[in-house]
Amino acid sequence: MGRGHSSVYIAKTLVISENTVYTHARNIYRKIGIGSKEQLIQLLSETPAESEGEARI
């Protein structure tokens, strides 16, 4: 999601339901204190990766 992929794309790629994607996203948002995909993308753009080779969410 942090790369801008839609919930539908993520669900199809992981072979899970869209509802599962929404549930996990909602739980992640709650844990990090945000309320939307836009806020997630903004947070990720402000947070530098630990190292150059590290994958980002």
PDB file of N, CA and C in Angstrom:
ATOM      1  N   MET A   1       0.824  -1.182   0.000  1.00  0.00           N
ATOM      2  CA  MET A   1       0.000   0.000   0.000  1.00  0.00           C
ATOM      3  C   MET A   1       0.869   1.247   0.000  1.00  0.00           C
ATOM      4  N   GLY A   2       1.988   1.143   0.674  1.00  0.00           N
ATOM      5  CA  GLY A   2       2.897   2.274   0.715  1.00  0.00           C
ATOM      6  C   GLY A   2       3.482   2.594  -0.647  1.00  0.00           C
ATOM      7  N   ARG A   3       3.419   1.659  -1.558  1.00  0.00           N
ATOM      8  CA  ARG A   3       3.905   1.887  -2.921  1.00  0.00           C
ATOM      9  C   ARG A   3       2.785   2.362  -3.837  1.00  0.00           C
ATOM     10  N   GLY A   4       1.603   2.570  -3.263  1.00  0.00           N
ATOM     11  CA  GLY A   4       0.490   3.089  -4.038  1.00  0.00           C
ATOM     12  C   GLY A   4      -0.397   2.041  -4.680  1.00  0.00           C
ATOM     13  N   HIS A   5      -0.177   0.763  -4.377  1.00  0.00           N
ATOM     14  CA  HIS A   5      -1.014  -0.284  -4.952  1.00  0.00           C
ATOM     15  C   HIS A   5      -2.405  -0.258  -4.326  1.00  0.00           C
ATOM     16  N   SER A   6      -3.386  -0.602  -5.125  1.00  0.00           N
ATOM     17  CA  SER A   6      -4.766  -0.637  -4.630  1.00  0.00           C
ATOM     18  C   SER A   6      -4.988  -1.898  -3.801  1.00  0.00           C
ATOM     19  N   SER A   7      -6.038  -1.857  -3.009  1.00  0.00           N
ATOM     20  CA  SER A   7      -6.407  -3.028  -2.210  1.00  0.00           C
ATOM     21  C   SER A   7      -6.768  -4.209  -3.113  1.00  0.00           C
ATOM     22  N   VAL A   8      -7.393  -3.924  -4.240  1.00  0.00           N
ATOM     23  CA  VAL A   8      -7.751  -4.977  -5.193  1.00  0.00           C
ATOM     24  C   VAL A   8      -6.492  -5.649  -5.735  1.00  0.00           C
ATOM     25  N   TYR A   9      -5.503  -4.855  -6.118  1.00  0.00           N
ATOM     26  CA  TYR A   9      -4.236  -5.390  -6.634  1.00  0.00           C
ATOM     27  C   TYR A   9      -3.554  -6.250  -5.577  1.00  0.00           C
ATOM     28  N   ILE A  10      -3.497  -5.763  -4.344  1.00  0.00           N
ATOM     29  CA  ILE A  10      -2.850  -6.501  -3.263  1.00  0.00           C
ATOM     30  C   ILE A  10      -3.572  -7.816  -3.010  1.00  0.00           C
ATOM     31  N   ALA A  11      -4.903  -7.783  -2.984  1.00  0.00           N
ATOM     32  CA  ALA A  11      -5.695  -8.992  -2.756  1.00  0.00           C
ATOM     33  C   ALA A  11      -5.441 -10.030  -3.846  1.00  0.00           C
ATOM     34  N   LYS A  12      -5.439  -9.598  -5.090  1.00  0.00           N
ATOM     35  CA  LYS A  12      -5.210 -10.533  -6.196  1.00  0.00           C
ATOM     36  C   LYS A  12      -3.796 -11.089  -6.167  1.00  0.00           C
ATOM     37  N   THR A  13      -2.818 -10.247  -5.850  1.00  0.00           N
ATOM     38  CA  THR A  13      -1.427 -10.684  -5.811  1.00  0.00           C
ATOM     39  C   THR A  13      -1.195 -11.707  -4.702  1.00  0.00           C
ATOM     40  N   LEU A  14      -1.808 -11.481  -3.551  1.00  0.00           N
ATOM     41  CA  LEU A  14      -1.620 -12.368  -2.397  1.00  0.00           C
ATOM     42  C   LEU A  14      -2.652 -13.487  -2.321  1.00  0.00           C
ATOM     43  N   VAL A  15      -3.579 -13.506  -3.280  1.00  0.00           N
ATOM     44  CA  VAL A  15      -4.659 -14.494  -3.342  1.00  0.00           C
ATOM     45  C   VAL A  15      -5.420 -14.531  -2.005  1.00  0.00           C
ATOM     46  N   ILE A  16      -5.882 -13.353  -1.599  1.00  0.00           N
ATOM     47  CA  ILE A  16      -6.719 -13.199  -0.408  1.00  0.00           C
ATOM     48  C   ILE A  16      -7.890 -12.300  -0.778  1.00  0.00           C
ATOM     49  N   SER A  17      -8.858 -12.214   0.091  1.00  0.00           N
ATOM     50  CA  SER A  17     -10.013 -11.376  -0.223  1.00  0.00           C
ATOM     51  C   SER A  17      -9.685  -9.902   0.026  1.00  0.00           C
ATOM     52  N   GLU A  18     -10.440  -9.037  -0.641  1.00  0.00           N
ATOM     53  CA  GLU A  18     -10.286  -7.596  -0.421  1.00  0.00           C
ATOM     54  C   GLU A  18     -10.589  -7.242   1.030  1.00  0.00           C
ATOM     55  N   ASN A  19     -11.565  -7.938   1.622  1.00  0.00           N
ATOM     56  CA  ASN A  19     -11.898  -7.673   3.022  1.00  0.00           C
ATOM     57  C   ASN A  19     -10.710  -7.955   3.944  1.00  0.00           C
ATOM     58  N   THR A  20      -9.927  -8.985   3.630  1.00  0.00           N
ATOM     59  CA  THR A  20      -8.742  -9.288   4.428  1.00  0.00           C
ATOM     60  C   THR A  20      -7.730  -8.159   4.323  1.00  0.00           C
ATOM     61  N   VAL A  21      -7.554  -7.631   3.128  1.00  0.00           N
ATOM     62  CA  VAL A  21      -6.639  -6.503   2.932  1.00  0.00           C
ATOM     63  C   VAL A  21      -7.125  -5.306   3.745  1.00  0.00           C
ATOM     64  N   TYR A  22      -8.412  -4.996   3.665  1.00  0.00           N
ATOM     65  CA  TYR A  22      -8.972  -3.862   4.411  1.00  0.00           C
ATOM     66  C   TYR A  22      -8.794  -4.048   5.919  1.00  0.00           C
ATOM     67  N   THR A  23      -9.037  -5.268   6.393  1.00  0.00           N
ATOM     68  CA  THR A  23      -8.902  -5.532   7.830  1.00  0.00           C
ATOM     69  C   THR A  23      -7.474  -5.326   8.295  1.00  0.00           C
ATOM     70  N   HIS A  24      -6.522  -5.877   7.562  1.00  0.00           N
ATOM     71  CA  HIS A  24      -5.116  -5.722   7.947  1.00  0.00           C
ATOM     72  C   HIS A  24      -4.684  -4.258   7.858  1.00  0.00           C
ATOM     73  N   ALA A  25      -5.109  -3.577   6.812  1.00  0.00           N
ATOM     74  CA  ALA A  25      -4.764  -2.158   6.665  1.00  0.00           C
ATOM     75  C   ALA A  25      -5.333  -1.345   7.822  1.00  0.00           C
ATOM     76  N   ARG A  26      -6.587  -1.589   8.169  1.00  0.00           N
ATOM     77  CA  ARG A  26      -7.212  -0.866   9.286  1.00  0.00           C
ATOM     78  C   ARG A  26      -6.450  -1.097  10.590  1.00  0.00           C
ATOM     79  N   ASN A  27      -6.039  -2.338  10.828  1.00  0.00           N
ATOM     80  CA  ASN A  27      -5.276  -2.649  12.043  1.00  0.00           C
ATOM     81  C   ASN A  27      -3.906  -1.973  12.043  1.00  0.00           C
ATOM     82  N   ILE A  28      -3.256  -1.949  10.902  1.00  0.00           N
ATOM     83  CA  ILE A  28      -1.950  -1.281  10.795  1.00  0.00           C
ATOM     84  C   ILE A  28      -2.122   0.217  11.021  1.00  0.00           C
ATOM     85  N   TYR A  29      -3.115   0.813  10.379  1.00  0.00           N
ATOM     86  CA  TYR A  29      -3.368   2.247  10.555  1.00  0.00           C
ATOM     87  C   TYR A  29      -3.599   2.579  12.025  1.00  0.00           C
ATOM     88  N   ARG A  30      -4.401   1.763  12.701  1.00  0.00           N
ATOM     89  CA  ARG A  30      -4.703   1.997  14.111  1.00  0.00           C
ATOM     90  C   ARG A  30      -3.438   1.931  14.961  1.00  0.00           C
ATOM     91  N   LYS A  31      -2.593   0.959  14.687  1.00  0.00           N
ATOM     92  CA  LYS A  31      -1.369   0.772  15.476  1.00  0.00           C
ATOM     93  C   LYS A  31      -0.376   1.908  15.290  1.00  0.00           C
ATOM     94  N   ILE A  32      -0.330   2.491  14.099  1.00  0.00           N
ATOM     95  CA  ILE A  32       0.631   3.588  13.879  1.00  0.00           C
ATOM     96  C   ILE A  32      -0.015   4.962  13.964  1.00  0.00           C
ATOM     97  N   GLY A  33      -1.303   4.992  14.276  1.00  0.00           N
ATOM     98  CA  GLY A  33      -1.985   6.252  14.553  1.00  0.00           C
ATOM     99  C   GLY A  33      -2.322   7.103  13.348  1.00  0.00           C
ATOM    100  N   ILE A  34      -2.692   6.441  12.243  1.00  0.00           N
ATOM    101  CA  ILE A  34      -3.121   7.188  11.062  1.00  0.00           C
ATOM    102  C   ILE A  34      -4.517   6.723  10.670  1.00  0.00           C
ATOM    103  N   GLY A  35      -5.130   7.436   9.723  1.00  0.00           N
ATOM    104  CA  GLY A  35      -6.493   7.105   9.352  1.00  0.00           C
ATOM    105  C   GLY A  35      -6.738   6.871   7.877  1.00  0.00           C
ATOM    106  N   SER A  36      -5.703   6.960   7.035  1.00  0.00           N
ATOM    107  CA  SER A  36      -5.947   6.781   5.605  1.00  0.00           C
ATOM    108  C   SER A  36      -4.680   6.349   4.875  1.00  0.00           C
ATOM    109  N   LYS A  37      -4.886   5.864   3.654  1.00  0.00           N
ATOM    110  CA  LYS A  37      -3.770   5.456   2.799  1.00  0.00           C
ATOM    111  C   LYS A  37      -2.892   6.666   2.468  1.00  0.00           C
ATOM    112  N   GLU A  38      -3.521   7.807   2.287  1.00  0.00           N
ATOM    113  CA  GLU A  38      -2.776   9.034   1.980  1.00  0.00           C
ATOM    114  C   GLU A  38      -1.828   9.398   3.126  1.00  0.00           C
ATOM    115  N   GLN A  39      -2.313   9.246   4.363  1.00  0.00           N
ATOM    116  CA  GLN A  39      -1.463   9.524   5.519  1.00  0.00           C
ATOM    117  C   GLN A  39      -0.315   8.520   5.597  1.00  0.00           C
ATOM    118  N   LEU A  40      -0.573   7.255   5.230  1.00  0.00           N
ATOM    119  CA  LEU A  40       0.481   6.244   5.214  1.00  0.00           C
ATOM    120  C   LEU A  40       1.567   6.626   4.219  1.00  0.00           C
ATOM    121  N   ILE A  41       1.175   7.016   3.020  1.00  0.00           N
ATOM    122  CA  ILE A  41       2.139   7.391   1.990  1.00  0.00           C
ATOM    123  C   ILE A  41       2.937   8.611   2.426  1.00  0.00           C
ATOM    124  N   GLN A  42       2.276   9.579   3.038  1.00  0.00           N
ATOM    125  CA  GLN A  42       2.971  10.765   3.538  1.00  0.00           C
ATOM    126  C   GLN A  42       3.970  10.378   4.627  1.00  0.00           C
ATOM    127  N   LEU A  43       3.555   9.516   5.545  1.00  0.00           N
ATOM    128  CA  LEU A  43       4.441   9.069   6.618  1.00  0.00           C
ATOM    129  C   LEU A  43       5.662   8.358   6.053  1.00  0.00           C
ATOM    130  N   LEU A  44       5.454   7.494   5.074  1.00  0.00           N
ATOM    131  CA  LEU A  44       6.572   6.766   4.477  1.00  0.00           C
ATOM    132  C   LEU A  44       7.520   7.686   3.714  1.00  0.00           C
ATOM    133  N   SER A  45       6.986   8.720   3.093  1.00  0.00           N
ATOM    134  CA  SER A  45       7.850   9.642   2.353  1.00  0.00           C
ATOM    135  C   SER A  45       8.683  10.501   3.286  1.00  0.00           C
ATOM    136  N   GLU A  46       8.226  10.681   4.529  1.00  0.00           N
ATOM    137  CA  GLU A  46       8.951  11.480   5.514  1.00  0.00           C
ATOM    138  C   GLU A  46       9.951  10.655   6.306  1.00  0.00           C
ATOM    139  N   THR A  47       9.803   9.326   6.297  1.00  0.00           N
ATOM    140  CA  THR A  47      10.635   8.441   7.101  1.00  0.00           C
ATOM    141  C   THR A  47      11.715   7.816   6.239  1.00  0.00           C
ATOM    142  N   PRO A  48      12.999   8.134   6.518  1.00  0.00           N
ATOM    143  CA  PRO A  48      14.071   7.524   5.724  1.00  0.00           C
ATOM    144  C   PRO A  48      14.212   6.041   6.060  1.00  0.00           C
ATOM    145  N   ALA A  49      14.575   5.238   5.074  1.00  0.00           N
ATOM    146  CA  ALA A  49      14.822   3.812   5.287  1.00  0.00           C
ATOM    147  C   ALA A  49      16.058   3.659   6.165  1.00  0.00           C
ATOM    148  N   GLU A  50      16.107   2.581   6.945  1.00  0.00           N
ATOM    149  CA  GLU A  50      17.245   2.333   7.838  1.00  0.00           C
ATOM    150  C   GLU A  50      18.549   2.181   7.055  1.00  0.00           C
ATOM    151  N   SER A  51      18.446   1.499   5.935  1.00  0.00           N
ATOM    152  CA  SER A  51      19.624   1.331   5.074  1.00  0.00           C
ATOM    153  C   SER A  51      19.150   1.333   3.641  1.00  0.00           C
ATOM    154  N   GLU A  52      20.082   1.515   2.720  1.00  0.00           N
ATOM    155  CA  GLU A  52      19.717   1.624   1.326  1.00  0.00           C
ATOM    156  C   GLU A  52      19.046   0.365   0.786  1.00  0.00           C
ATOM    157  N   GLY A  53      19.470  -0.805   1.253  1.00  0.00           N
ATOM    158  CA  GLY A  53      18.933  -2.064   0.754  1.00  0.00           C
ATOM    159  C   GLY A  53      17.663  -2.515   1.439  1.00  0.00           C
ATOM    160  N   GLU A  54      17.218  -1.805   2.443  1.00  0.00           N
ATOM    161  CA  GLU A  54      16.040  -2.229   3.198  1.00  0.00           C
ATOM    162  C   GLU A  54      14.764  -1.957   2.420  1.00  0.00           C
ATOM    163  N   ALA A  55      13.894  -2.944   2.405  1.00  0.00           N
ATOM    164  CA  ALA A  55      12.607  -2.791   1.727  1.00  0.00           C
ATOM    165  C   ALA A  55      11.682  -1.919   2.571  1.00  0.00           C
ATOM    166  N   ARG A  56      10.892  -1.109   1.892  1.00  0.00           N
ATOM    167  CA  ARG A  56       9.908  -0.285   2.583  1.00  0.00           C
ATOM    168  C   ARG A  56       8.555  -0.906   2.439  1.00  0.00           C
ATOM    169  N   ILE A  57       7.662  -0.609   3.325  1.00  0.00           N
ATOM    170  CA  ILE A  57       6.312  -1.182   3.351  1.00  0.00           C
ATOM    171  C   ILE A  57       5.588  -0.845   2.068  1.00  0.00           C
TER     172      ILE A  57
END
